[in-house]
Amino acid sequence: MMAQARQRGTQWLSKGGLRPTRQRVALAALLVGDGQDRHVTAESLFEASQNSGEKVSLATVYNTLRAFCSAGIMQEITVDGARSYFDTRMDDHPHFFWEDCATLTDAPAEELEIRRLPKAPEGAEIAKVDVVIRLRRTSQD
């Protein structure tokens, strides 16, 4: 199974034109090795890498995630301007941010309707619209 995860990770890196270094392959295998999309923080990916026995520094995890985003195989979603999540799913889609556990999940895109956006200021164009819907659990007494 681990060999299959590493193979998937290597293929994913090649889609972005990235050289498959040992550390990149190890992190890519954790991200896409089972074929599922992931929302991770650098810290959660660092912890997963440590738990899998990979010796990768937190700085390397940050740099690798940024390289994955630059290569177009991952996208960064910023919540609060302070916390970044990295998403392996590349199509445009909204997210739920669960405030109680600080996790990000996909929201159903087919239920989102944006009727109009404001015009971009002169000399600018809208590059992307990120939709993050913040959720707070209601108490079930």
Protein backbone atom coordinates (compact mmCIF):
# COMPACT_ATOMS: atom_id res chain seq x y z
CA MET A 1 0.00 0.00 0.00
CA MET A 2 2.77 2.45 0.87
CA ALA A 3 4.41 1.80 -2.52
CA GLN A 4 1.13 2.66 -4.23
CA ALA A 5 0.84 5.88 -2.19
CA ARG A 6 4.39 6.88 -3.14
CA GLN A 7 3.63 6.11 -6.81
CA ARG A 8 0.49 8.28 -6.69
CA GLY A 9 2.51 11.03 -5.03
CA THR A 10 5.21 10.84 -7.70
CA GLN A 11 2.60 11.03 -10.48
CA TRP A 12 0.99 14.03 -8.78
CA LEU A 13 4.36 15.81 -8.61
CA SER A 14 4.96 15.16 -12.31
CA LYS A 15 1.62 16.89 -13.12
CA GLY A 16 3.15 20.02 -11.61
CA GLY A 17 6.51 19.50 -13.30
CA LEU A 18 8.22 19.09 -9.93
CA ARG A 19 11.35 17.01 -9.38
CA PRO A 20 10.45 14.02 -7.18
CA THR A 21 12.86 14.51 -4.27
CA ARG A 22 12.59 12.10 -1.33
CA GLN A 23 10.89 14.70 0.87
CA ARG A 24 8.47 15.86 -1.83
CA VAL A 25 7.45 12.27 -2.63
CA ALA A 26 6.95 11.52 1.08
CA LEU A 27 4.73 14.58 1.59
CA ALA A 28 2.87 14.02 -1.70
CA ALA A 29 2.16 10.41 -0.68
CA LEU A 30 0.60 11.67 2.57
CA LEU A 31 -1.48 14.23 0.65
CA VAL A 32 -2.75 12.21 -2.33
CA GLY A 33 -1.55 8.66 -1.75
CA ASP A 34 -5.02 7.27 -1.05
CA GLY A 35 -6.67 9.19 -3.90
CA GLN A 36 -8.68 11.40 -1.54
CA ASP A 37 -8.58 15.21 -1.47
CA ARG A 38 -7.08 16.80 1.63
CA HIS A 39 -7.22 20.11 3.48
CA VAL A 40 -4.11 20.42 5.62
CA THR A 41 -2.18 23.03 7.51
CA ALA A 42 1.59 22.96 7.42
CA GLU A 43 1.50 21.89 11.06
CA SER A 44 -0.93 19.01 10.47
CA LEU A 45 1.12 17.74 7.51
CA PHE A 46 4.30 18.04 9.59
CA GLU A 47 2.67 15.97 12.35
CA ALA A 48 1.48 13.35 9.84
CA SER A 49 4.98 13.13 8.37
CA GLN A 50 6.50 12.64 11.82
CA ASN A 51 3.92 9.94 12.61
CA SER A 52 4.79 8.14 9.36
CA GLY A 53 8.48 8.11 10.27
CA GLU A 54 9.56 10.74 7.73
CA LYS A 55 12.15 13.15 9.04
CA VAL A 56 11.09 16.47 7.53
CA SER A 57 11.43 19.85 9.22
CA LEU A 58 8.45 22.19 9.59
CA ALA A 59 10.28 24.75 7.41
CA THR A 60 10.64 22.12 4.67
CA VAL A 61 6.92 21.33 4.91
CA TYR A 62 6.06 25.05 4.49
CA ASN A 63 8.46 25.42 1.55
CA THR A 64 7.17 22.24 -0.09
CA LEU A 65 3.53 23.28 0.26
CA ARG A 66 4.36 26.65 -1.33
CA ALA A 67 6.16 24.82 -4.18
CA PHE A 68 3.10 22.60 -4.70
CA CYS A 69 0.89 25.72 -4.90
CA SER A 70 3.28 27.47 -7.30
CA ALA A 71 3.27 24.36 -9.49
CA GLY A 72 -0.53 24.48 -9.67
CA ILE A 73 -1.22 21.11 -8.03
CA MET A 74 -2.49 22.53 -4.75
CA GLN A 75 -4.21 25.72 -3.64
CA GLU A 76 -3.88 27.82 -0.52
CA ILE A 77 -6.98 28.98 1.34
CA THR A 78 -6.43 31.65 3.95
CA VAL A 79 -8.78 31.85 6.92
CA ASP A 80 -8.58 34.91 9.19
CA GLY A 81 -5.49 36.13 7.37
CA ALA A 82 -3.55 34.20 9.97
CA ARG A 83 -4.12 30.53 9.20
CA SER A 84 -3.51 28.91 5.83
CA TYR A 85 -4.99 25.64 4.68
CA PHE A 86 -3.71 23.79 1.64
CA ASP A 87 -6.20 21.98 -0.57
CA THR A 88 -5.38 19.24 -3.08
CA ARG A 89 -8.69 19.79 -4.90
CA MET A 90 -8.02 22.35 -7.63
CA ASP A 91 -11.45 23.23 -9.03
CA ASP A 92 -13.25 26.32 -7.74
CA HIS A 93 -15.38 25.31 -4.77
CA PRO A 94 -16.54 26.81 -1.46
CA HIS A 95 -15.39 25.69 1.98
CA PHE A 96 -16.83 25.33 5.45
CA PHE A 97 -14.55 26.44 8.28
CA TRP A 98 -15.50 24.70 11.53
CA GLU A 99 -14.63 27.21 14.26
CA ASP A 100 -14.72 24.74 17.16
CA CYS A 101 -12.03 22.46 15.75
CA ALA A 102 -10.37 24.83 13.22
CA THR A 103 -10.84 22.46 10.30
CA LEU A 104 -11.71 23.16 6.69
CA THR A 105 -14.02 20.96 4.63
CA ASP A 106 -15.55 21.24 1.18
CA ALA A 107 -19.00 22.83 0.95
CA PRO A 108 -21.47 21.79 -1.76
CA ALA A 109 -20.66 24.02 -4.74
CA GLU A 110 -24.01 23.34 -6.41
CA GLU A 111 -25.79 25.10 -3.53
CA LEU A 112 -23.72 28.29 -3.80
CA GLU A 113 -25.01 31.08 -5.99
CA ILE A 114 -23.12 34.32 -6.51
CA ARG A 115 -25.23 36.64 -8.62
CA ARG A 116 -22.83 39.53 -9.03
CA LEU A 117 -19.38 40.65 -7.99
CA PRO A 118 -18.26 44.25 -7.54
CA LYS A 119 -16.25 45.69 -10.42
CA ALA A 120 -12.50 45.46 -9.94
CA PRO A 121 -10.76 48.81 -9.49
CA GLU A 122 -9.22 50.35 -12.57
CA GLY A 123 -6.03 48.57 -13.59
CA ALA A 124 -7.03 45.35 -11.81
CA GLU A 125 -8.92 42.19 -12.59
CA ILE A 126 -10.52 39.62 -10.33
CA ALA A 127 -8.20 36.63 -10.25
CA LYS A 128 -10.21 34.36 -7.95
CA VAL A 129 -13.05 34.39 -5.46
CA ASP A 130 -12.62 32.32 -2.30
CA VAL A 131 -15.75 31.47 -0.35
CA VAL A 132 -15.21 30.35 3.25
CA ILE A 133 -18.36 29.83 5.28
CA ARG A 134 -17.68 29.88 9.00
CA LEU A 135 -19.66 27.36 11.06
CA ARG A 136 -20.36 27.27 14.77
CA ARG A 137 -21.99 24.14 16.17
CA THR A 138 -25.33 24.69 17.86
CA SER A 139 -25.89 23.13 21.25
CA GLN A 140 -28.22 20.14 21.18
CA ASP A 141 -29.74 20.13 24.67
